[in-house]
C-alpha atoms as a PDB file:
ATOM      1  CA  MET A   1     -15.208  -6.035 -10.090  1.00  0.00           C
ATOM      2  CA  LEU A   2     -14.463  -5.905 -13.793  1.00  0.00           C
ATOM      3  CA  LYS A   3     -13.066  -9.198 -15.118  1.00  0.00           C
ATOM      4  CA  LEU A   4     -11.154  -9.214 -18.389  1.00  0.00           C
ATOM      5  CA  THR A   5      -9.352 -11.802 -20.466  1.00  0.00           C
ATOM      6  CA  ARG A   6      -6.113 -10.572 -22.022  1.00  0.00           C
ATOM      7  CA  LYS A   7      -3.357 -12.214 -24.029  1.00  0.00           C
ATOM      8  CA  VAL A   8       0.373 -11.502 -23.789  1.00  0.00           C
ATOM      9  CA  GLY A   9       1.065  -8.036 -25.186  1.00  0.00           C
ATOM     10  CA  GLU A  10      -2.478  -6.777 -24.702  1.00  0.00           C
ATOM     11  CA  ARG A  11      -3.101  -3.721 -22.555  1.00  0.00           C
ATOM     12  CA  ILE A  12      -5.705  -2.272 -20.240  1.00  0.00           C
ATOM     13  CA  ASN A  13      -6.110   1.471 -19.707  1.00  0.00           C
ATOM     14  CA  ILE A  14      -7.258   2.881 -16.376  1.00  0.00           C
ATOM     15  CA  GLY A  15      -8.207   6.507 -16.761  1.00  0.00           C
ATOM     16  CA  ASP A  16      -6.030   8.661 -18.982  1.00  0.00           C
ATOM     17  CA  ASP A  17      -2.646   7.898 -17.489  1.00  0.00           C
ATOM     18  CA  ILE A  18      -2.417   4.293 -16.231  1.00  0.00           C
ATOM     19  CA  VAL A  19      -1.727   1.367 -18.561  1.00  0.00           C
ATOM     20  CA  ILE A  20      -1.425  -2.285 -17.534  1.00  0.00           C
ATOM     21  CA  CYS A  21       0.199  -4.667 -20.003  1.00  0.00           C
ATOM     22  CA  VAL A  22       0.304  -8.468 -19.834  1.00  0.00           C
ATOM     23  CA  LEU A  23       3.996  -9.260 -20.304  1.00  0.00           C
ATOM     24  CA  GLU A  24       4.111 -12.997 -19.734  1.00  0.00           C
ATOM     25  CA  ILE A  25       1.969 -15.947 -18.704  1.00  0.00           C
ATOM     26  CA  ASN A  26       3.897 -18.939 -17.421  1.00  0.00           C
ATOM     27  CA  LYS A  27       2.740 -21.954 -15.364  1.00  0.00           C
ATOM     28  CA  GLY A  28      -0.111 -20.181 -13.617  1.00  0.00           C
ATOM     29  CA  ASN A  29       1.801 -16.920 -13.096  1.00  0.00           C
ATOM     30  CA  VAL A  30       1.061 -13.674 -14.879  1.00  0.00           C
ATOM     31  CA  ARG A  31       3.700 -10.950 -15.221  1.00  0.00           C
ATOM     32  CA  LEU A  32       2.223  -7.478 -15.580  1.00  0.00           C
ATOM     33  CA  GLY A  33       3.803  -4.191 -16.543  1.00  0.00           C
ATOM     34  CA  ILE A  34       2.283  -1.018 -15.136  1.00  0.00           C
ATOM     35  CA  GLU A  35       2.835   2.429 -16.606  1.00  0.00           C
ATOM     36  CA  ALA A  36       1.668   5.194 -14.278  1.00  0.00           C
ATOM     37  CA  PRO A  37       2.710   8.697 -13.253  1.00  0.00           C
ATOM     38  CA  SER A  38       5.218   8.862 -10.392  1.00  0.00           C
ATOM     39  CA  ARG A  39       2.545  10.464  -8.172  1.00  0.00           C
ATOM     40  CA  VAL A  40       0.609   7.164  -8.222  1.00  0.00           C
ATOM     41  CA  THR A  41       1.680   4.630  -5.587  1.00  0.00           C
ATOM     42  CA  ILE A  42       1.643   1.044  -6.821  1.00  0.00           C
ATOM     43  CA  LEU A  43       1.873  -1.728  -4.211  1.00  0.00           C
ATOM     44  CA  ARG A  44       1.255  -5.454  -4.172  1.00  0.00           C
ATOM     45  CA  HIS A  45      -1.912  -6.069  -2.134  1.00  0.00           C
ATOM     46  CA  GLU A  46      -0.116  -7.977   0.645  1.00  0.00           C
ATOM     47  CA  VAL A  47       2.326  -5.065   1.090  1.00  0.00           C
ATOM     48  CA  PHE A  48      -0.578  -2.595   1.156  1.00  0.00           C
ATOM     49  CA  GLU A  49      -2.338  -4.668   3.847  1.00  0.00           C
ATOM     50  CA  ARG A  50       0.851  -4.851   5.943  1.00  0.00           C
ATOM     51  CA  ILE A  51       1.285  -1.066   5.756  1.00  0.00           C
ATOM     52  CA  GLN A  52      -2.371  -0.534   6.738  1.00  0.00           C
ATOM     53  CA  ALA A  53      -1.974  -2.870   9.743  1.00  0.00           C
ATOM     54  CA  GLU A  54       1.208  -1.079  10.848  1.00  0.00           C
ATOM     55  CA  ASN A  55      -0.487   2.306  10.528  1.00  0.00           C
ATOM     56  CA  LEU A  56      -3.471   1.115  12.539  1.00  0.00           C
ATOM     57  CA  GLY A  57      -1.196  -0.306  15.235  1.00  0.00           C
ATOM     58  CA  SER A  58       0.762   2.931  15.393  1.00  0.00           C
ATOM     59  CA  ALA A  59      -2.406   4.991  15.726  1.00  0.00           C
ATOM     60  CA  ARG A  60      -3.693   2.803  18.558  1.00  0.00           C
ATOM     61  CA  GLY A  61      -0.408   2.906  20.443  1.00  0.00           C
ATOM     62  CA  ALA A  62      -0.111   6.666  20.149  1.00  0.00           C
ATOM     63  CA  ALA A  63      -2.664   7.441  22.880  1.00  0.00           C
ATOM     64  CA  GLU A  64      -0.929   5.127  25.358  1.00  0.00           C
ATOM     65  CA  ASP A  65       2.481   6.510  24.449  1.00  0.00           C
ATOM     66  CA  LEU A  66       1.254  10.080  24.902  1.00  0.00           C
ATOM     67  CA  GLY A  67      -0.155   9.222  28.326  1.00  0.00           C
ATOM     68  CA  LYS A  68       3.155   7.671  29.383  1.00  0.00           C
ATOM     69  CA  ALA A  69       5.096  10.645  28.047  1.00  0.00           C
ATOM     70  CA  ALA A  70       2.817  13.067  29.916  1.00  0.00           C
ATOM     71  CA  ALA A  71       3.329  11.130  33.168  1.00  0.00           C
ATOM     72  CA  ILE A  72       7.112  11.224  32.734  1.00  0.00           C
ATOM     73  CA  TRP A  73       6.949  14.952  31.958  1.00  0.00           C
ATOM     74  CA  ARG A  74       4.858  15.626  35.082  1.00  0.00           C
ATOM     75  CA  GLN A  75       7.264  13.568  37.183  1.00  0.00           C
ATOM     76  CA  LYS A  76      10.257  15.504  35.838  1.00  0.00           C
ATOM     77  CA  GLY A  77       8.483  18.767  36.654  1.00  0.00           C
ATOM     78  CA  GLN A  78       7.994  17.722  40.285  1.00  0.00           C
ATOM     79  CA  GLU A  79      11.693  16.900  40.802  1.00  0.00           C
END
């Protein structure tokens, strides 16, 4: 992990097309501005983790759901 010290107004470049700027520091909070192409998804870490957990849960449930759907389909075919 790279650790940097920046003052308000200073910037950090990531690659050729992402810029992070320190906008404000106030009572232990830091406000950042991020300039990036629209193709780059930017999420707060807690949102990213929630999405990952939902995706994992959906993937696990899919096999069970498919089994249930197949059983219903077979039952309909026998009627």
